Amino acid sequence: MELKVLQNLLNTVIQITLMLTTGFYCAAPAAAQPQQAGTTSSGQTGASTEELQKQVQNPVANLISVPFQNNIDFGNGPYDRTRNTLNIQPVVPFSLSERVMLITRTIFPIIIQPDLATPNQGAFGLGDINPTFFFAPARQSSLIWGIGPTFVLPAATERTLGAGKWSAGPSVVGLAQPGKWTLGALVSNVWSFAGQKSRPAVNAMTLQYFVNHNFTGGWYFTSSPILNANWRAGQGDKWLVPFGAGIGRVTRIGAAPVNWQIAAYGNVIRPDTLPSSRWQLRLQLALLYPQKH
């Protein structure tokens, strides 16, 4: 059964990848221009690669990107099951005026969710969709920030893949990029306001801090774990706190700039009674479409 599920997931990923790649390249021809992608005439990475490094680490940058982030969570439940979540999360900025930018990010999760009570059963499908809308200054200072609403839409194709609730709340991001560093955090909290009456209400926070240091050749160090707090859970079950790090690189596939990353995070604080994984492996490939200057 799990082999068939993996085959279905692969087919879905291929179809969505082709659709998004074709659509965004048609909509953003600047991405195909070599001078925007960060190479010199000799083919070596140059100053524009350093600019792309900064942009991909800034959630409110004026950069169209389509990250495919795959999170593999190991060690779930008594049977040591593995959960896989592929987040397809296109980020598209819009200029509202000379002073204000709107940056949209929508997360489409494709999930393989094991049944933790059995050694080999589970569910596969789309999880709840999470769009966020950041309003940010068009001209950023040394402190970069954005603020706006975030929503959770009950789009899950299986009951176990979502909360069954409509939720909304605020989302805030702040960061600084001194020298070769990027230091910041993104935090959001959502409360449910509608949905299936039989499902529990939602009051949950997500906090992602990020620490990046850039090197030459497009390489960088990264630590960007995602902390979760379920405020409605009992004492000892509220927090899931991972800690870890990884590496990444801004490079090219043919004429197209891309950003790949690999990182590992161990859950140093886990719920006492609710099921959770012991550690996570994150693999990411982001298609980048730099804007014309």
C-alpha atoms as a PDB file:
ATOM      1  CA  MET A   1       0.000   0.000   0.000  1.00  0.00           C
ATOM      2  CA  GLU A   2       2.767   2.470   0.935  1.00  0.00           C
ATOM      3  CA  LEU A   3       4.533   1.813  -2.387  1.00  0.00           C
ATOM      4  CA  LYS A   4       1.338   2.685  -4.264  1.00  0.00           C
ATOM      5  CA  VAL A   5       0.957   5.830  -2.164  1.00  0.00           C
ATOM      6  CA  LEU A   6       4.522   6.896  -2.973  1.00  0.00           C
ATOM      7  CA  GLN A   7       3.888   6.334  -6.691  1.00  0.00           C
ATOM      8  CA  ASN A   8       0.759   8.469  -6.533  1.00  0.00           C
ATOM      9  CA  LEU A   9       2.683  11.188  -4.684  1.00  0.00           C
ATOM     10  CA  LEU A  10       5.455  11.172  -7.286  1.00  0.00           C
ATOM     11  CA  ASN A  11       2.956  11.491 -10.146  1.00  0.00           C
ATOM     12  CA  THR A  12       1.211  14.380  -8.393  1.00  0.00           C
ATOM     13  CA  VAL A  13       4.481  16.186  -7.706  1.00  0.00           C
ATOM     14  CA  ILE A  14       5.606  15.839 -11.331  1.00  0.00           C
ATOM     15  CA  GLN A  15       2.306  17.235 -12.644  1.00  0.00           C
ATOM     16  CA  ILE A  16       2.288  20.199 -10.254  1.00  0.00           C
ATOM     17  CA  THR A  17       5.979  20.919 -10.887  1.00  0.00           C
ATOM     18  CA  LEU A  18       5.483  21.021 -14.651  1.00  0.00           C
ATOM     19  CA  MET A  19       2.393  23.223 -14.322  1.00  0.00           C
ATOM     20  CA  LEU A  20       4.022  25.735 -11.969  1.00  0.00           C
ATOM     21  CA  THR A  21       7.351  25.821 -13.798  1.00  0.00           C
ATOM     22  CA  THR A  22       5.748  26.426 -17.199  1.00  0.00           C
ATOM     23  CA  GLY A  23       3.310  28.993 -15.853  1.00  0.00           C
ATOM     24  CA  PHE A  24       5.835  31.044 -13.924  1.00  0.00           C
ATOM     25  CA  TYR A  25       8.424  31.081 -16.687  1.00  0.00           C
ATOM     26  CA  CYS A  26       5.794  32.447 -19.065  1.00  0.00           C
ATOM     27  CA  ALA A  27       4.747  35.054 -16.496  1.00  0.00           C
ATOM     28  CA  ALA A  28       8.277  36.047 -15.473  1.00  0.00           C
ATOM     29  CA  PRO A  29      10.553  36.213 -18.517  1.00  0.00           C
ATOM     30  CA  ALA A  30      13.201  38.078 -16.496  1.00  0.00           C
ATOM     31  CA  ALA A  31      14.165  34.765 -14.958  1.00  0.00           C
ATOM     32  CA  ALA A  32      15.534  33.551 -18.263  1.00  0.00           C
ATOM     33  CA  GLN A  33      17.963  36.472 -18.579  1.00  0.00           C
ATOM     34  CA  PRO A  34      21.485  35.388 -17.593  1.00  0.00           C
ATOM     35  CA  GLN A  35      22.442  38.836 -16.257  1.00  0.00           C
ATOM     36  CA  GLN A  36      19.675  38.567 -13.656  1.00  0.00           C
ATOM     37  CA  ALA A  37      20.710  35.140 -12.453  1.00  0.00           C
ATOM     38  CA  GLY A  38      24.129  35.967 -11.116  1.00  0.00           C
ATOM     39  CA  THR A  39      26.952  34.869 -13.385  1.00  0.00           C
ATOM     40  CA  THR A  40      29.796  36.682 -15.080  1.00  0.00           C
ATOM     41  CA  SER A  41      30.756  36.142 -18.714  1.00  0.00           C
ATOM     42  CA  SER A  42      33.209  33.473 -17.578  1.00  0.00           C
ATOM     43  CA  GLY A  43      30.390  31.468 -15.997  1.00  0.00           C
ATOM     44  CA  GLN A  44      31.491  32.060 -12.410  1.00  0.00           C
ATOM     45  CA  THR A  45      29.054  33.224  -9.783  1.00  0.00           C
ATOM     46  CA  GLY A  46      29.250  36.981  -9.240  1.00  0.00           C
ATOM     47  CA  ALA A  47      27.663  39.823  -7.266  1.00  0.00           C
ATOM     48  CA  SER A  48      24.103  39.072  -8.394  1.00  0.00           C
ATOM     49  CA  THR A  49      24.365  35.597  -6.854  1.00  0.00           C
ATOM     50  CA  GLU A  50      25.133  37.303  -3.553  1.00  0.00           C
ATOM     51  CA  GLU A  51      22.023  39.432  -4.065  1.00  0.00           C
ATOM     52  CA  LEU A  52      19.953  36.310  -4.713  1.00  0.00           C
ATOM     53  CA  GLN A  53      21.337  34.729  -1.538  1.00  0.00           C
ATOM     54  CA  LYS A  54      19.995  37.702   0.416  1.00  0.00           C
ATOM     55  CA  GLN A  55      16.664  37.665  -1.394  1.00  0.00           C
ATOM     56  CA  VAL A  56      15.913  33.959  -0.894  1.00  0.00           C
ATOM     57  CA  GLN A  57      16.543  34.399   2.850  1.00  0.00           C
ATOM     58  CA  ASN A  58      14.136  37.355   3.060  1.00  0.00           C
ATOM     59  CA  PRO A  59      10.453  36.293   3.229  1.00  0.00           C
ATOM     60  CA  VAL A  60       9.299  39.743   2.000  1.00  0.00           C
ATOM     61  CA  ALA A  61      11.819  40.237  -0.818  1.00  0.00           C
ATOM     62  CA  ASN A  62      10.733  41.419  -4.261  1.00  0.00           C
ATOM     63  CA  LEU A  63      11.372  37.959  -5.725  1.00  0.00           C
ATOM     64  CA  ILE A  64       9.012  35.437  -7.287  1.00  0.00           C
ATOM     65  CA  SER A  65       9.905  31.937  -6.100  1.00  0.00           C
ATOM     66  CA  VAL A  66       8.319  28.492  -6.041  1.00  0.00           C
ATOM     67  CA  PRO A  67       9.820  26.414  -3.221  1.00  0.00           C
ATOM     68  CA  PHE A  68       9.184  22.668  -3.041  1.00  0.00           C
ATOM     69  CA  GLN A  69       9.952  21.859   0.586  1.00  0.00           C
ATOM     70  CA  ASN A  70       9.832  18.191   1.583  1.00  0.00           C
ATOM     71  CA  ASN A  71       9.767  17.423   5.315  1.00  0.00           C
ATOM     72  CA  ILE A  72      10.319  13.814   6.411  1.00  0.00           C
ATOM     73  CA  ASP A  73       9.391  13.240  10.064  1.00  0.00           C
ATOM     74  CA  PHE A  74      10.890  10.095  11.594  1.00  0.00           C
ATOM     75  CA  GLY A  75       9.946   8.082  14.668  1.00  0.00           C
ATOM     76  CA  ASN A  76       6.202   8.657  15.007  1.00  0.00           C
ATOM     77  CA  GLY A  77       4.193   6.484  17.380  1.00  0.00           C
ATOM     78  CA  PRO A  78       4.823   3.021  18.812  1.00  0.00           C
ATOM     79  CA  TYR A  79       5.571   1.562  15.359  1.00  0.00           C
ATOM     80  CA  ASP A  80       8.209   4.193  14.544  1.00  0.00           C
ATOM     81  CA  ARG A  81       6.279   5.415  11.500  1.00  0.00           C
ATOM     82  CA  THR A  82       7.455   8.059   9.015  1.00  0.00           C
ATOM     83  CA  ARG A  83       5.347  11.059   7.988  1.00  0.00           C
ATOM     84  CA  ASN A  84       6.084  12.939   4.755  1.00  0.00           C
ATOM     85  CA  THR A  85       4.884  16.451   3.917  1.00  0.00           C
ATOM     86  CA  LEU A  86       5.679  18.126   0.605  1.00  0.00           C
ATOM     87  CA  ASN A  87       4.919  21.850   0.864  1.00  0.00           C
ATOM     88  CA  ILE A  88       4.507  23.595  -2.479  1.00  0.00           C
ATOM     89  CA  GLN A  89       4.587  27.261  -1.526  1.00  0.00           C
ATOM     90  CA  PRO A  90       4.703  29.843  -4.343  1.00  0.00           C
ATOM     91  CA  VAL A  91       5.713  33.350  -3.215  1.00  0.00           C
ATOM     92  CA  VAL A  92       4.581  36.232  -5.433  1.00  0.00           C
ATOM     93  CA  PRO A  93       5.184  39.948  -4.692  1.00  0.00           C
ATOM     94  CA  PHE A  94       2.960  42.765  -5.985  1.00  0.00           C
ATOM     95  CA  SER A  95       3.645  46.495  -5.999  1.00  0.00           C
ATOM     96  CA  LEU A  96       0.615  48.295  -4.521  1.00  0.00           C
ATOM     97  CA  SER A  97       2.228  51.738  -4.607  1.00  0.00           C
ATOM     98  CA  GLU A  98       5.615  53.410  -4.484  1.00  0.00           C
ATOM     99  CA  ARG A  99       5.658  52.790  -0.737  1.00  0.00           C
ATOM    100  CA  VAL A 100       3.873  49.474  -0.197  1.00  0.00           C
ATOM    101  CA  MET A 101       4.451  45.916  -1.419  1.00  0.00           C
ATOM    102  CA  LEU A 102       2.107  42.944  -1.029  1.00  0.00           C
ATOM    103  CA  ILE A 103       3.865  39.574  -0.771  1.00  0.00           C
ATOM    104  CA  THR A 104       1.646  36.510  -1.031  1.00  0.00           C
ATOM    105  CA  ARG A 105       2.714  33.055   0.105  1.00  0.00           C
ATOM    106  CA  THR A 106       0.392  30.070  -0.168  1.00  0.00           C
ATOM    107  CA  ILE A 107       1.324  26.650   1.193  1.00  0.00           C
ATOM    108  CA  PHE A 108      -0.185  23.579  -0.486  1.00  0.00           C
ATOM    109  CA  PRO A 109       0.787  20.515   1.612  1.00  0.00           C
ATOM    110  CA  ILE A 110       0.779  17.048   0.061  1.00  0.00           C
ATOM    111  CA  ILE A 111       0.893  14.594   2.939  1.00  0.00           C
ATOM    112  CA  ILE A 112       1.578  10.923   3.586  1.00  0.00           C
ATOM    113  CA  GLN A 113       0.115  10.479   7.079  1.00  0.00           C
ATOM    114  CA  PRO A 114       0.701   7.076   8.737  1.00  0.00           C
ATOM    115  CA  ASP A 115      -1.903   5.514  11.001  1.00  0.00           C
ATOM    116  CA  LEU A 116       0.121   5.464  14.209  1.00  0.00           C
ATOM    117  CA  ALA A 117      -1.999   2.673  15.693  1.00  0.00           C
ATOM    118  CA  THR A 118      -0.953   0.215  12.954  1.00  0.00           C
ATOM    119  CA  PRO A 119       2.383  -0.719  11.350  1.00  0.00           C
ATOM    120  CA  ASN A 120       1.352  -0.216   7.710  1.00  0.00           C
ATOM    121  CA  GLN A 121      -1.865   1.801   7.220  1.00  0.00           C
ATOM    122  CA  GLY A 122      -2.250   5.516   6.526  1.00  0.00           C
ATOM    123  CA  ALA A 123      -3.695   8.302   4.380  1.00  0.00           C
ATOM    124  CA  PHE A 124      -2.431  10.295   1.415  1.00  0.00           C
ATOM    125  CA  GLY A 125      -3.682  13.547  -0.056  1.00  0.00           C
ATOM    126  CA  LEU A 126      -3.863  17.315   0.164  1.00  0.00           C
ATOM    127  CA  GLY A 127      -3.799  18.963   3.585  1.00  0.00           C
ATOM    128  CA  ASP A 128      -5.264  22.288   4.684  1.00  0.00           C
ATOM    129  CA  ILE A 129      -4.152  25.222   2.506  1.00  0.00           C
ATOM    130  CA  ASN A 130      -2.395  28.136   4.230  1.00  0.00           C
ATOM    131  CA  PRO A 131      -2.295  31.524   2.394  1.00  0.00           C
ATOM    132  CA  THR A 132      -0.503  34.501   3.980  1.00  0.00           C
ATOM    133  CA  PHE A 133      -0.506  38.134   2.816  1.00  0.00           C
ATOM    134  CA  PHE A 134       2.365  40.352   3.972  1.00  0.00           C
ATOM    135  CA  PHE A 135       2.271  44.124   3.578  1.00  0.00           C
ATOM    136  CA  ALA A 136       5.792  45.539   3.613  1.00  0.00           C
ATOM    137  CA  PRO A 137       7.582  48.803   2.776  1.00  0.00           C
ATOM    138  CA  ALA A 138       8.698  48.928  -0.852  1.00  0.00           C
ATOM    139  CA  ARG A 139      11.978  50.509   0.258  1.00  0.00           C
ATOM    140  CA  GLN A 140      13.418  48.538   3.144  1.00  0.00           C
ATOM    141  CA  SER A 141      15.720  49.985   5.786  1.00  0.00           C
ATOM    142  CA  SER A 142      18.246  48.115   7.916  1.00  0.00           C
ATOM    143  CA  LEU A 143      15.264  46.533   9.709  1.00  0.00           C
ATOM    144  CA  ILE A 144      13.133  44.619   7.196  1.00  0.00           C
ATOM    145  CA  TRP A 145       9.568  43.787   8.204  1.00  0.00           C
ATOM    146  CA  GLY A 146       6.160  42.730   6.980  1.00  0.00           C
ATOM    147  CA  ILE A 147       2.766  42.198   8.575  1.00  0.00           C
ATOM    148  CA  GLY A 148      -0.561  40.821   7.434  1.00  0.00           C
ATOM    149  CA  PRO A 149      -3.243  38.156   7.802  1.00  0.00           C
ATOM    150  CA  THR A 150      -2.804  34.425   7.489  1.00  0.00           C
ATOM    151  CA  PHE A 151      -5.573  31.885   6.904  1.00  0.00           C
ATOM    152  CA  VAL A 152      -6.044  28.135   7.127  1.00  0.00           C
ATOM    153  CA  LEU A 153      -8.574  26.739   4.654  1.00  0.00           C
ATOM    154  CA  PRO A 154     -10.079  23.278   5.388  1.00  0.00           C
ATOM    155  CA  ALA A 155      -9.110  21.765   2.036  1.00  0.00           C
ATOM    156  CA  ALA A 156      -7.841  18.395   3.312  1.00  0.00           C
ATOM    157  CA  THR A 157      -8.913  15.447   1.186  1.00  0.00           C
ATOM    158  CA  GLU A 158      -8.841  13.078   4.192  1.00  0.00           C
ATOM    159  CA  ARG A 159     -10.038  13.710   7.739  1.00  0.00           C
ATOM    160  CA  THR A 160      -6.646  12.889   9.264  1.00  0.00           C
ATOM    161  CA  LEU A 161      -4.825  15.367   6.990  1.00  0.00           C
ATOM    162  CA  GLY A 162      -6.431  18.552   8.318  1.00  0.00           C
ATOM    163  CA  ALA A 163      -8.152  20.287  11.220  1.00  0.00           C
ATOM    164  CA  GLY A 164     -11.562  20.613   9.561  1.00  0.00           C
ATOM    165  CA  LYS A 165     -11.735  24.279  10.604  1.00  0.00           C
ATOM    166  CA  TRP A 166     -11.582  27.724   8.996  1.00  0.00           C
ATOM    167  CA  SER A 167      -8.923  29.669  10.883  1.00  0.00           C
ATOM    168  CA  ALA A 168      -7.314  33.106  10.660  1.00  0.00           C
ATOM    169  CA  GLY A 169      -4.928  35.366  12.524  1.00  0.00           C
ATOM    170  CA  PRO A 170      -1.984  37.751  12.243  1.00  0.00           C
ATOM    171  CA  SER A 171       1.461  37.017  10.819  1.00  0.00           C
ATOM    172  CA  VAL A 172       4.563  39.156  11.379  1.00  0.00           C
ATOM    173  CA  VAL A 173       8.107  38.878  10.036  1.00  0.00           C
ATOM    174  CA  GLY A 174      11.165  40.911  10.975  1.00  0.00           C
ATOM    175  CA  LEU A 175      14.797  40.509   9.966  1.00  0.00           C
ATOM    176  CA  ALA A 176      18.138  42.210   9.464  1.00  0.00           C
ATOM    177  CA  GLN A 177      20.880  41.377   6.962  1.00  0.00           C
ATOM    178  CA  PRO A 178      24.194  42.734   8.260  1.00  0.00           C
ATOM    179  CA  GLY A 179      27.099  41.745   6.039  1.00  0.00           C
ATOM    180  CA  LYS A 180      26.914  38.073   5.132  1.00  0.00           C
ATOM    181  CA  TRP A 181      24.302  37.318   7.811  1.00  0.00           C
ATOM    182  CA  THR A 182      20.506  37.081   7.786  1.00  0.00           C
ATOM    183  CA  LEU A 183      18.883  37.082  11.229  1.00  0.00           C
ATOM    184  CA  GLY A 184      15.150  37.145  11.830  1.00  0.00           C
ATOM    185  CA  ALA A 185      11.910  35.456  12.760  1.00  0.00           C
ATOM    186  CA  LEU A 186       8.415  34.867  11.399  1.00  0.00           C
ATOM    187  CA  VAL A 187       5.522  34.283  13.800  1.00  0.00           C
ATOM    188  CA  SER A 188       1.818  33.687  13.262  1.00  0.00           C
ATOM    189  CA  ASN A 189      -1.143  32.621  15.382  1.00  0.00           C
ATOM    190  CA  VAL A 190      -4.492  31.367  14.115  1.00  0.00           C
ATOM    191  CA  TRP A 191      -7.868  30.881  15.790  1.00  0.00           C
ATOM    192  CA  SER A 192     -10.700  28.849  14.282  1.00  0.00           C
ATOM    193  CA  PHE A 193     -13.983  30.669  13.576  1.00  0.00           C
ATOM    194  CA  ALA A 194     -15.993  28.126  11.550  1.00  0.00           C
ATOM    195  CA  GLY A 195     -15.889  24.549  10.320  1.00  0.00           C
ATOM    196  CA  GLN A 196     -16.968  21.096  11.401  1.00  0.00           C
ATOM    197  CA  LYS A 197     -18.610  21.279  14.831  1.00  0.00           C
ATOM    198  CA  SER A 198     -17.347  17.817  15.713  1.00  0.00           C
ATOM    199  CA  ARG A 199     -13.704  18.894  15.381  1.00  0.00           C
ATOM    200  CA  PRO A 200     -11.826  20.657  18.218  1.00  0.00           C
ATOM    201  CA  ALA A 201     -11.328  24.422  18.061  1.00  0.00           C
ATOM    202  CA  VAL A 202      -7.935  25.746  16.914  1.00  0.00           C
ATOM    203  CA  ASN A 203      -5.641  28.163  18.749  1.00  0.00           C
ATOM    204  CA  ALA A 204      -2.115  27.544  17.473  1.00  0.00           C
ATOM    205  CA  MET A 205       1.109  29.481  16.990  1.00  0.00           C
ATOM    206  CA  THR A 206       3.913  28.873  14.498  1.00  0.00           C
ATOM    207  CA  LEU A 207       7.311  30.485  15.071  1.00  0.00           C
ATOM    208  CA  GLN A 208      10.225  30.161  12.649  1.00  0.00           C
ATOM    209  CA  TYR A 209      13.494  31.870  13.460  1.00  0.00           C
ATOM    210  CA  PHE A 210      16.206  31.877  10.820  1.00  0.00           C
ATOM    211  CA  VAL A 211      19.961  32.308  11.020  1.00  0.00           C
ATOM    212  CA  ASN A 212      21.883  32.246   7.740  1.00  0.00           C
ATOM    213  CA  HIS A 213      25.510  32.936   6.877  1.00  0.00           C
ATOM    214  CA  ASN A 214      26.524  33.283   3.233  1.00  0.00           C
ATOM    215  CA  PHE A 215      29.758  32.024   1.684  1.00  0.00           C
ATOM    216  CA  THR A 216      31.248  32.403  -1.771  1.00  0.00           C
ATOM    217  CA  GLY A 217      30.004  30.416  -4.744  1.00  0.00           C
ATOM    218  CA  GLY A 218      26.366  30.681  -3.658  1.00  0.00           C
ATOM    219  CA  TRP A 219      26.830  28.424  -0.602  1.00  0.00           C
ATOM    220  CA  TYR A 220      25.284  29.252   2.764  1.00  0.00           C
ATOM    221  CA  PHE A 221      24.728  27.894   6.266  1.00  0.00           C
ATOM    222  CA  THR A 222      21.144  27.844   7.511  1.00  0.00           C
ATOM    223  CA  SER A 223      19.190  27.156  10.676  1.00  0.00           C
ATOM    224  CA  SER A 224      15.447  27.749  10.323  1.00  0.00           C
ATOM    225  CA  PRO A 225      13.462  25.328  12.504  1.00  0.00           C
ATOM    226  CA  ILE A 226       9.679  25.688  12.808  1.00  0.00           C
ATOM    227  CA  LEU A 227       8.397  25.759  16.405  1.00  0.00           C
ATOM    228  CA  ASN A 228       4.746  24.928  17.079  1.00  0.00           C
ATOM    229  CA  ALA A 229       2.564  25.748  20.080  1.00  0.00           C
ATOM    230  CA  ASN A 230      -0.921  24.290  20.529  1.00  0.00           C
ATOM    231  CA  TRP A 231      -2.424  26.590  23.161  1.00  0.00           C
ATOM    232  CA  ARG A 232      -5.474  24.352  23.637  1.00  0.00           C
ATOM    233  CA  ALA A 233      -3.423  21.280  24.515  1.00  0.00           C
ATOM    234  CA  GLY A 234      -2.857  20.168  28.086  1.00  0.00           C
ATOM    235  CA  GLN A 235       0.163  21.008  30.180  1.00  0.00           C
ATOM    236  CA  GLY A 236       3.214  19.270  28.758  1.00  0.00           C
ATOM    237  CA  ASP A 237       1.620  18.869  25.319  1.00  0.00           C
ATOM    238  CA  LYS A 238       1.724  22.467  24.091  1.00  0.00           C
ATOM    239  CA  TRP A 239       5.176  22.732  22.514  1.00  0.00           C
ATOM    240  CA  LEU A 240       7.097  21.082  19.682  1.00  0.00           C
ATOM    241  CA  VAL A 241      10.577  22.635  19.532  1.00  0.00           C
ATOM    242  CA  PRO A 242      13.115  21.433  16.937  1.00  0.00           C
ATOM    243  CA  PHE A 243      16.767  22.430  16.786  1.00  0.00           C
ATOM    244  CA  GLY A 244      19.281  21.838  13.999  1.00  0.00           C
ATOM    245  CA  ALA A 245      20.929  23.255  10.893  1.00  0.00           C
ATOM    246  CA  GLY A 246      21.849  22.604   7.283  1.00  0.00           C
ATOM    247  CA  ILE A 247      23.479  23.914   4.135  1.00  0.00           C
ATOM    248  CA  GLY A 248      22.199  25.305   0.863  1.00  0.00           C
ATOM    249  CA  ARG A 249      23.303  26.854  -2.377  1.00  0.00           C
ATOM    250  CA  VAL A 250      21.993  29.339  -4.911  1.00  0.00           C
ATOM    251  CA  THR A 251      23.004  27.937  -8.291  1.00  0.00           C
ATOM    252  CA  ARG A 252      21.622  27.309 -11.774  1.00  0.00           C
ATOM    253  CA  ILE A 253      19.933  24.551 -13.724  1.00  0.00           C
ATOM    254  CA  GLY A 254      20.623  25.531 -17.298  1.00  0.00           C
ATOM    255  CA  ALA A 255      19.709  29.227 -17.517  1.00  0.00           C
ATOM    256  CA  ALA A 256      17.386  29.138 -14.496  1.00  0.00           C
ATOM    257  CA  PRO A 257      18.498  30.182 -10.989  1.00  0.00           C
ATOM    258  CA  VAL A 258      17.493  27.803  -8.208  1.00  0.00           C
ATOM    259  CA  ASN A 259      18.022  27.506  -4.482  1.00  0.00           C
ATOM    260  CA  TRP A 260      18.505  24.066  -2.919  1.00  0.00           C
ATOM    261  CA  GLN A 261      18.819  23.208   0.730  1.00  0.00           C
ATOM    262  CA  ILE A 262      19.194  20.220   3.035  1.00  0.00           C
ATOM    263  CA  ALA A 263      18.838  20.364   6.820  1.00  0.00           C
ATOM    264  CA  ALA A 264      18.153  18.123   9.807  1.00  0.00           C
ATOM    265  CA  TYR A 265      16.282  19.027  12.998  1.00  0.00           C
ATOM    266  CA  GLY A 266      15.861  17.081  16.211  1.00  0.00           C
ATOM    267  CA  ASN A 267      12.779  17.742  18.346  1.00  0.00           C
ATOM    268  CA  VAL A 268      14.353  18.672  21.681  1.00  0.00           C
ATOM    269  CA  ILE A 269      10.950  19.436  23.254  1.00  0.00           C
ATOM    270  CA  ARG A 270       8.029  17.171  22.371  1.00  0.00           C
ATOM    271  CA  PRO A 271       4.466  16.736  23.670  1.00  0.00           C
ATOM    272  CA  ASP A 272       4.273  14.336  26.607  1.00  0.00           C
ATOM    273  CA  THR A 273       1.227  12.397  25.385  1.00  0.00           C
ATOM    274  CA  LEU A 274       0.359  13.617  21.864  1.00  0.00           C
ATOM    275  CA  PRO A 275       2.138  11.781  19.009  1.00  0.00           C
ATOM    276  CA  SER A 276       5.134  13.562  17.491  1.00  0.00           C
ATOM    277  CA  SER A 277       8.308  12.703  15.596  1.00  0.00           C
ATOM    278  CA  ARG A 278      11.805  12.457  17.047  1.00  0.00           C
ATOM    279  CA  TRP A 279      13.557  14.242  14.180  1.00  0.00           C
ATOM    280  CA  GLN A 280      13.029  15.726  10.733  1.00  0.00           C
ATOM    281  CA  LEU A 281      14.947  15.794   7.459  1.00  0.00           C
ATOM    282  CA  ARG A 282      14.161  18.810   5.244  1.00  0.00           C
ATOM    283  CA  LEU A 283      14.933  18.820   1.512  1.00  0.00           C
ATOM    284  CA  GLN A 284      14.089  21.904  -0.534  1.00  0.00           C
ATOM    285  CA  LEU A 285      14.376  23.066  -4.121  1.00  0.00           C
ATOM    286  CA  ALA A 286      13.129  26.558  -5.003  1.00  0.00           C
ATOM    287  CA  LEU A 287      12.682  27.911  -8.516  1.00  0.00           C
ATOM    288  CA  LEU A 288      13.699  31.598  -8.606  1.00  0.00           C
ATOM    289  CA  TYR A 289      12.420  34.332 -10.893  1.00  0.00           C
ATOM    290  CA  PRO A 290      14.358  37.597 -10.265  1.00  0.00           C
ATOM    291  CA  GLN A 291      12.596  40.846 -11.126  1.00  0.00           C
ATOM    292  CA  LYS A 292      13.942  43.256 -13.732  1.00  0.00           C
ATOM    293  CA  HIS A 293      15.703  46.276 -12.298  1.00  0.00           C
END
